[in-house]
Amino acid sequence: MPIDLRSDTVTKPTPGMRAAMANADVGDDERDGDPTTLKLQARVAALLGKDDALFFPSGVMANQAAVWCHAPRATEILLDVNAHVIEGEIAGAAALSGVQVHPVEPRGLFMTASDLAAAMLPPSRYRAAYSLVCVENTHNSAGGKIVPLDDLRAIRQVAAANGLPVHMDGARLWNASVASGVSLAEIAETADTVMVAFSKGLGAPIGAALAGPRDLIEHAWTARKLFGGAMRQSGIVAAGALFALDRHIDRLADDHENARAIADLVGTAGGANVVAPDTNIVMVDLPPSHPAANVVAAAKERGVLVAEWTPTRIRMVTHLDVSAEDAERAGSIIRSILLSPM
């Protein structure tokens, strides 16, 4: 079997998770509330310190529901130019909510409060009004970087000073909490709504949740229905997420260690530059002699699957199906490819 580092979404449910899903207590979530899904939603709300939470089929849908709930049509939402809501969600904010994205160009790896403040223009009848600030933690495109708590608090202050709510794309918030030692609730306190995913580092096969104030989550239920995300016996998949919350959070530290091992092995081989990983994502900027497509193809031939992020960058993501031995082998293979002529 190849070592699959293309994403942490490629994991397979563990035998225990499959058993939990098969034996889940279920009901009609649309009519009476699915008991296992209700349990998951309450658990997530408690972990994040929010009033309520709602289970979604995907993180993209949960993010877009948050935009739909927060941002009136013909307004602008402010977010990092490399945020997933911009680069990974197919213009969903425009298509689904009728809002425009206002990309903020960060001076560093991710948007800070000073970047946000500098990007904001005075109110004018000739421009769309701002309606929402979005942050991402961990920041995928930056290399799984953790946005420090002080930065998140400062962004919240800038947003509040301008009367704007904050939504956090926390698809890998579990990773940020484990790696930083800061509780999930303390991080989530810096945003009005928070999305968390179960199908990445936690290894569940499907699902995400949106947490926030009770009235907004009630509104998000309508958004989920509108977007086609209503589910019936959703407890079957919610059980997988609950299993992951019980067993797969603390072990994320292993993924972080394996990512560092890969980064150390690749190093500056052949003129490459590795973005030092904070969590489980390893970004490698390649020398001109080794285009990303060629490196991806060469790695696949040797049993390692990596992602072409840009023509000059590859991404590798560690997860629960990648052992320390796998990480060492993969890092050595990528290093060997970069040291060889192409």
Protein backbone atom coordinates (compact mmCIF):
# COMPACT_ATOMS: atom_id res chain seq x y z
CA MET A 1 0.00 0.00 0.00
CA PRO A 2 1.30 3.49 -0.81
CA ILE A 3 1.91 6.01 1.93
CA ASP A 4 -0.85 8.53 1.28
CA LEU A 5 0.11 12.03 2.39
CA ARG A 6 -2.18 13.93 0.03
CA SER A 7 -4.45 14.97 2.90
CA ASP A 8 -5.69 13.90 6.32
CA THR A 9 -9.08 13.33 4.66
CA VAL A 10 -7.90 10.02 3.18
CA THR A 11 -8.09 8.10 6.46
CA LYS A 12 -10.21 4.96 6.78
CA PRO A 13 -12.47 4.42 9.80
CA THR A 14 -10.87 2.23 12.45
CA PRO A 15 -12.58 -1.06 13.38
CA GLY A 16 -13.82 0.52 16.61
CA MET A 17 -15.25 3.48 14.75
CA ARG A 18 -17.00 1.20 12.26
CA ALA A 19 -18.54 -0.74 15.16
CA ALA A 20 -19.73 2.46 16.84
CA MET A 21 -21.34 3.60 13.60
CA ALA A 22 -23.00 0.24 12.99
CA ASN A 23 -24.49 0.23 16.49
CA ALA A 24 -25.52 3.89 16.63
CA ASP A 25 -28.86 4.83 18.14
CA VAL A 26 -30.64 6.73 15.35
CA GLY A 27 -33.82 8.64 14.59
CA ASP A 28 -35.17 11.13 12.05
CA ASP A 29 -33.02 14.20 12.55
CA GLU A 30 -35.40 16.33 10.47
CA ARG A 31 -38.48 15.45 12.50
CA ASP A 32 -37.62 14.51 16.07
CA GLY A 33 -33.86 14.90 16.26
CA ASP A 34 -31.46 11.99 15.85
CA PRO A 35 -30.32 11.02 19.39
CA THR A 36 -26.68 10.38 18.48
CA THR A 37 -26.48 13.57 16.44
CA LEU A 38 -28.00 15.57 19.31
CA LYS A 39 -25.38 14.07 21.63
CA LEU A 40 -22.59 15.06 19.24
CA GLN A 41 -23.90 18.61 18.89
CA ALA A 42 -24.09 19.05 22.65
CA ARG A 43 -20.58 17.66 23.05
CA VAL A 44 -19.13 20.04 20.45
CA ALA A 45 -20.91 23.05 21.94
CA ALA A 46 -19.49 22.21 25.37
CA LEU A 47 -15.96 21.68 24.04
CA LEU A 48 -16.04 25.04 22.24
CA GLY A 49 -17.81 26.94 25.01
CA LYS A 50 -20.74 27.88 22.76
CA ASP A 51 -24.50 27.81 23.30
CA ASP A 52 -25.24 25.27 20.61
CA ALA A 53 -23.85 23.41 17.61
CA LEU A 54 -25.23 21.90 14.42
CA PHE A 55 -23.94 18.86 12.53
CA PHE A 56 -23.19 19.32 8.81
CA PRO A 57 -22.16 16.91 6.06
CA SER A 58 -19.02 18.98 5.34
CA GLY A 59 -16.91 21.84 6.57
CA VAL A 60 -17.52 23.81 3.39
CA MET A 61 -21.26 23.69 3.94
CA ALA A 62 -20.83 24.73 7.58
CA ASN A 63 -18.57 27.64 6.59
CA GLN A 64 -21.02 28.76 3.94
CA ALA A 65 -23.94 28.49 6.35
CA ALA A 66 -22.06 30.79 8.72
CA VAL A 67 -21.57 33.33 5.92
CA TRP A 68 -25.26 33.05 5.00
CA CYS A 69 -26.29 33.66 8.61
CA HIS A 70 -23.91 36.53 9.35
CA ALA A 71 -23.65 38.48 6.09
CA PRO A 72 -26.56 40.23 4.33
CA ARG A 73 -26.57 40.16 0.54
CA ALA A 74 -24.52 42.80 -1.31
CA THR A 75 -22.05 43.16 1.55
CA GLU A 76 -18.37 42.23 1.84
CA ILE A 77 -16.68 39.69 4.07
CA LEU A 78 -13.03 40.25 5.02
CA LEU A 79 -10.59 37.36 5.12
CA ASP A 80 -7.05 36.26 4.34
CA VAL A 81 -6.38 36.13 0.60
CA ASN A 82 -5.31 32.48 0.99
CA ALA A 83 -8.21 31.44 3.22
CA HIS A 84 -10.03 28.21 2.36
CA VAL A 85 -13.30 30.14 2.06
CA ILE A 86 -11.72 31.90 -0.94
CA GLU A 87 -9.48 29.30 -2.54
CA GLY A 88 -11.30 26.09 -1.67
CA GLU A 89 -15.04 26.75 -1.71
CA ILE A 90 -15.87 27.53 -5.37
CA ALA A 91 -17.03 31.14 -4.89
CA GLY A 92 -19.67 29.81 -2.49
CA ALA A 93 -20.04 33.13 -0.66
CA ALA A 94 -21.09 34.82 -3.90
CA ALA A 95 -23.14 31.94 -5.27
CA LEU A 96 -25.01 31.05 -2.09
CA SER A 97 -25.15 34.25 -0.05
CA GLY A 98 -24.74 37.01 -2.63
CA VAL A 99 -21.78 38.53 -0.82
CA GLN A 100 -18.39 39.63 -2.07
CA VAL A 101 -15.08 38.55 -0.58
CA HIS A 102 -12.60 41.26 0.33
CA PRO A 103 -9.21 39.51 0.33
CA VAL A 104 -6.72 40.80 2.90
CA GLU A 105 -3.08 40.46 1.84
CA PRO A 106 -1.04 39.42 4.90
CA ARG A 107 2.46 40.70 5.45
CA GLY A 108 3.38 37.36 7.01
CA LEU A 109 2.04 33.84 6.63
CA PHE A 110 -1.49 34.71 7.74
CA MET A 111 -3.72 37.72 8.33
CA THR A 112 -3.13 39.69 11.52
CA ALA A 113 -5.13 42.46 13.16
CA SER A 114 -2.89 45.13 11.63
CA ASP A 115 -3.35 43.56 8.18
CA LEU A 116 -7.11 43.58 8.68
CA ALA A 117 -7.22 47.16 9.91
CA ALA A 118 -5.05 48.37 7.03
CA ALA A 119 -7.36 46.71 4.48
CA MET A 120 -10.54 48.34 5.78
CA LEU A 121 -11.78 51.45 3.99
CA PRO A 122 -14.02 54.12 5.52
CA PRO A 123 -17.76 53.60 5.04
CA SER A 124 -19.09 54.98 1.77
CA ARG A 125 -22.38 54.93 -0.10
CA TYR A 126 -20.35 53.91 -3.17
CA ARG A 127 -18.95 50.69 -1.69
CA ALA A 128 -20.37 47.53 -0.24
CA ALA A 129 -20.56 47.58 3.55
CA TYR A 130 -18.45 45.11 5.51
CA SER A 131 -20.46 42.43 7.27
CA LEU A 132 -18.12 39.71 8.57
CA VAL A 133 -14.50 38.86 9.34
CA CYS A 134 -13.35 35.27 8.77
CA VAL A 135 -10.24 33.68 10.26
CA GLU A 136 -8.73 30.24 9.72
CA ASN A 137 -6.98 28.19 12.42
CA THR A 138 -4.94 26.20 11.63
CA HIS A 139 -4.19 28.00 8.38
CA ASN A 140 -4.03 25.40 5.64
CA SER A 141 -2.32 27.35 2.85
CA ALA A 142 0.24 28.78 5.26
CA GLY A 143 1.35 25.24 6.07
CA GLY A 144 -0.95 24.27 8.92
CA LYS A 145 0.21 27.28 10.92
CA ILE A 146 -1.39 28.05 14.27
CA VAL A 147 -2.75 31.58 14.57
CA PRO A 148 -1.64 32.60 18.09
CA LEU A 149 -4.31 33.41 20.65
CA ASP A 150 -3.13 37.01 20.99
CA ASP A 151 -3.50 37.51 17.23
CA LEU A 152 -7.00 36.07 17.26
CA ARG A 153 -7.97 38.32 20.15
CA ALA A 154 -6.55 41.36 18.36
CA ILE A 155 -8.51 40.49 15.20
CA ARG A 156 -11.64 40.17 17.32
CA GLN A 157 -11.01 43.64 18.75
CA VAL A 158 -10.62 45.21 15.29
CA ALA A 159 -13.80 43.48 14.14
CA ALA A 160 -15.73 44.56 17.23
CA ALA A 161 -14.56 48.15 16.85
CA ASN A 162 -16.16 48.09 13.41
CA GLY A 163 -19.33 46.32 14.52
CA LEU A 164 -18.46 43.07 12.74
CA PRO A 165 -18.89 39.47 13.87
CA VAL A 166 -16.07 36.93 13.46
CA HIS A 167 -16.36 33.43 12.02
CA MET A 168 -13.56 30.92 12.50
CA ASP A 169 -12.86 28.18 9.97
CA GLY A 170 -11.49 25.71 12.50
CA ALA A 171 -11.45 22.61 10.33
CA ARG A 172 -8.21 21.63 12.09
CA LEU A 173 -8.83 23.48 15.35
CA TRP A 174 -8.17 20.22 17.20
CA ASN A 175 -4.60 20.31 15.87
CA ALA A 176 -4.16 23.93 16.93
CA SER A 177 -5.32 23.16 20.46
CA VAL A 178 -3.17 20.06 20.92
CA ALA A 179 -0.04 21.68 19.49
CA SER A 180 -0.41 24.97 21.38
CA GLY A 181 -1.76 23.64 24.66
CA VAL A 182 -4.56 26.22 24.52
CA SER A 183 -8.04 24.84 25.16
CA LEU A 184 -10.58 24.63 22.37
CA ALA A 185 -12.95 26.90 24.29
CA GLU A 186 -10.30 29.57 24.83
CA ILE A 187 -9.52 29.66 21.11
CA ALA A 188 -13.20 29.57 20.14
CA GLU A 189 -13.92 32.49 22.46
CA THR A 190 -12.25 34.77 19.90
CA ALA A 191 -15.02 34.17 17.35
CA ASP A 192 -18.80 34.36 17.30
CA THR A 193 -19.13 31.14 15.30
CA VAL A 194 -16.68 28.30 14.82
CA MET A 195 -16.62 25.45 12.32
CA VAL A 196 -14.81 22.24 13.24
CA ALA A 197 -14.35 19.19 10.99
CA PHE A 198 -14.33 15.54 12.01
CA SER A 199 -13.13 14.11 8.69
CA LYS A 200 -9.56 15.42 8.78
CA GLY A 201 -7.22 14.86 11.71
CA LEU A 202 -9.85 13.07 13.78
CA GLY A 203 -10.27 10.43 11.10
CA ALA A 204 -14.06 10.25 10.89
CA PRO A 205 -15.43 9.47 7.42
CA ILE A 206 -17.70 12.50 7.15
CA GLY A 207 -18.94 15.56 8.95
CA ALA A 208 -18.37 18.95 10.51
CA ALA A 209 -20.15 21.16 13.03
CA LEU A 210 -20.92 24.84 13.34
CA ALA A 211 -21.05 26.21 16.89
CA GLY A 212 -22.22 29.58 18.13
CA PRO A 213 -25.10 31.50 19.74
CA ARG A 214 -28.34 29.56 20.00
CA ASP A 215 -30.38 31.89 17.81
CA LEU A 216 -27.77 31.88 15.05
CA ILE A 217 -27.47 28.09 15.11
CA GLU A 218 -31.25 27.89 14.76
CA HIS A 219 -30.88 30.12 11.69
CA ALA A 220 -28.08 27.87 10.44
CA TRP A 221 -30.51 24.94 10.50
CA THR A 222 -32.44 26.76 7.77
CA ALA A 223 -29.25 27.36 5.82
CA ARG A 224 -28.34 23.68 6.03
CA LYS A 225 -31.79 22.75 4.72
CA LEU A 226 -31.54 25.32 1.93
CA PHE A 227 -28.12 24.04 0.86
CA GLY A 228 -29.38 20.45 0.70
CA GLY A 229 -27.61 19.28 3.82
CA ALA A 230 -30.54 18.03 5.86
CA MET A 231 -30.02 14.45 7.03
CA ARG A 232 -32.30 11.79 8.45
CA GLN A 233 -30.60 8.98 10.41
CA SER A 234 -27.46 11.07 10.68
CA GLY A 235 -26.46 9.33 13.90
CA ILE A 236 -24.73 6.66 11.84
CA VAL A 237 -22.06 9.17 10.81
CA ALA A 238 -22.32 11.27 13.98
CA ALA A 239 -21.31 8.16 15.92
CA GLY A 240 -18.03 8.10 14.00
CA ALA A 241 -17.39 11.71 15.00
CA LEU A 242 -18.20 10.99 18.65
CA PHE A 243 -15.84 8.01 18.61
CA ALA A 244 -13.13 10.28 17.21
CA LEU A 245 -13.70 12.93 19.88
CA ASP A 246 -13.26 10.28 22.57
CA ARG A 247 -10.14 8.64 21.13
CA HIS A 248 -8.39 10.65 18.42
CA ILE A 249 -7.72 14.13 19.79
CA ASP A 250 -4.70 13.51 22.02
CA ARG A 251 -3.03 11.31 19.40
CA LEU A 252 -2.82 14.30 17.04
CA ALA A 253 0.50 15.01 18.75
CA ASP A 254 1.85 11.92 16.95
CA ASP A 255 0.86 13.43 13.59
CA HIS A 256 2.65 16.65 14.49
CA GLU A 257 5.79 14.74 15.43
CA ASN A 258 5.65 12.77 12.18
CA ALA A 259 5.25 16.00 10.19
CA ARG A 260 8.35 17.43 11.85
CA ALA A 261 10.23 14.23 11.03
CA ILE A 262 9.34 14.55 7.34
CA ALA A 263 10.30 18.22 7.35
CA ASP A 264 13.65 17.47 8.97
CA LEU A 265 14.43 14.72 6.46
CA VAL A 266 13.56 16.84 3.44
CA GLY A 267 15.31 19.91 4.81
CA THR A 268 17.01 21.92 2.07
CA ALA A 269 17.62 18.93 -0.19
CA GLY A 270 18.36 20.04 -3.74
CA GLY A 271 17.63 23.66 -2.85
CA ALA A 272 14.16 23.01 -1.44
CA ASN A 273 12.68 25.13 1.33
CA VAL A 274 10.38 23.57 3.92
CA VAL A 275 7.83 25.64 5.80
CA ALA A 276 8.50 24.52 9.37
CA PRO A 277 5.32 22.69 10.41
CA ASP A 278 3.38 23.75 13.49
CA THR A 279 1.00 20.83 13.17
CA ASN A 280 0.42 18.06 10.61
CA ILE A 281 0.95 19.88 7.29
CA VAL A 282 4.31 20.02 5.53
CA MET A 283 4.67 22.50 2.66
CA VAL A 284 7.80 22.20 0.53
CA ASP A 285 8.81 24.94 -1.88
CA LEU A 286 10.73 23.27 -4.68
CA PRO A 287 13.79 24.36 -6.66
CA PRO A 288 13.23 25.31 -10.33
CA SER A 289 14.86 22.04 -11.41
CA HIS A 290 12.08 20.01 -9.78
CA PRO A 291 8.56 21.08 -10.85
CA ALA A 292 5.85 19.94 -8.47
CA ALA A 293 4.12 17.72 -11.05
CA ASN A 294 7.36 15.84 -11.66
CA VAL A 295 8.05 15.38 -7.95
CA VAL A 296 4.50 14.13 -7.39
CA ALA A 297 4.86 11.62 -10.23
CA ALA A 298 8.29 10.43 -9.05
CA ALA A 299 7.05 10.01 -5.49
CA LYS A 300 4.04 8.01 -6.67
CA GLU A 301 6.33 5.63 -8.56
CA ARG A 302 8.13 4.99 -5.27
CA GLY A 303 4.99 4.44 -3.22
CA VAL A 304 4.41 7.88 -1.71
CA LEU A 305 1.39 10.02 -2.60
CA VAL A 306 1.81 13.78 -2.15
CA ALA A 307 -0.23 16.74 -3.40
CA GLU A 308 0.77 19.36 -5.95
CA TRP A 309 -0.19 22.57 -4.16
CA THR A 310 1.20 24.93 -6.80
CA PRO A 311 3.57 24.36 -9.74
CA THR A 312 6.44 25.02 -7.31
CA ARG A 313 5.08 23.64 -4.03
CA ILE A 314 4.02 20.24 -2.72
CA ARG A 315 1.98 19.49 0.38
CA MET A 316 2.21 16.48 2.67
CA VAL A 317 -0.23 15.85 5.52
CA THR A 318 0.26 13.31 8.30
CA HIS A 319 -2.68 11.50 9.87
CA LEU A 320 -3.70 8.45 11.88
CA ASP A 321 -3.02 6.06 8.98
CA VAL A 322 0.62 7.23 8.76
CA SER A 323 3.05 5.69 11.24
CA ALA A 324 6.39 7.07 12.37
CA GLU A 325 8.04 4.51 10.10
CA ASP A 326 5.88 5.66 7.17
CA ALA A 327 6.86 9.26 7.82
CA GLU A 328 10.56 8.41 7.91
CA ARG A 329 10.31 6.43 4.68
CA ALA A 330 8.31 9.14 2.93
CA GLY A 331 10.66 11.90 4.00
CA SER A 332 13.66 9.91 2.83
CA ILE A 333 12.06 9.25 -0.56
CA ILE A 334 11.18 12.91 -1.13
CA ARG A 335 14.70 13.90 -0.11
CA SER A 336 16.17 11.36 -2.53
CA ILE A 337 14.01 12.66 -5.38
CA LEU A 338 15.08 16.25 -4.72
CA LEU A 339 18.73 15.25 -4.67
CA SER A 340 18.44 13.44 -7.99
CA PRO A 341 18.46 15.14 -11.40
CA MET A 342 15.08 15.44 -13.07
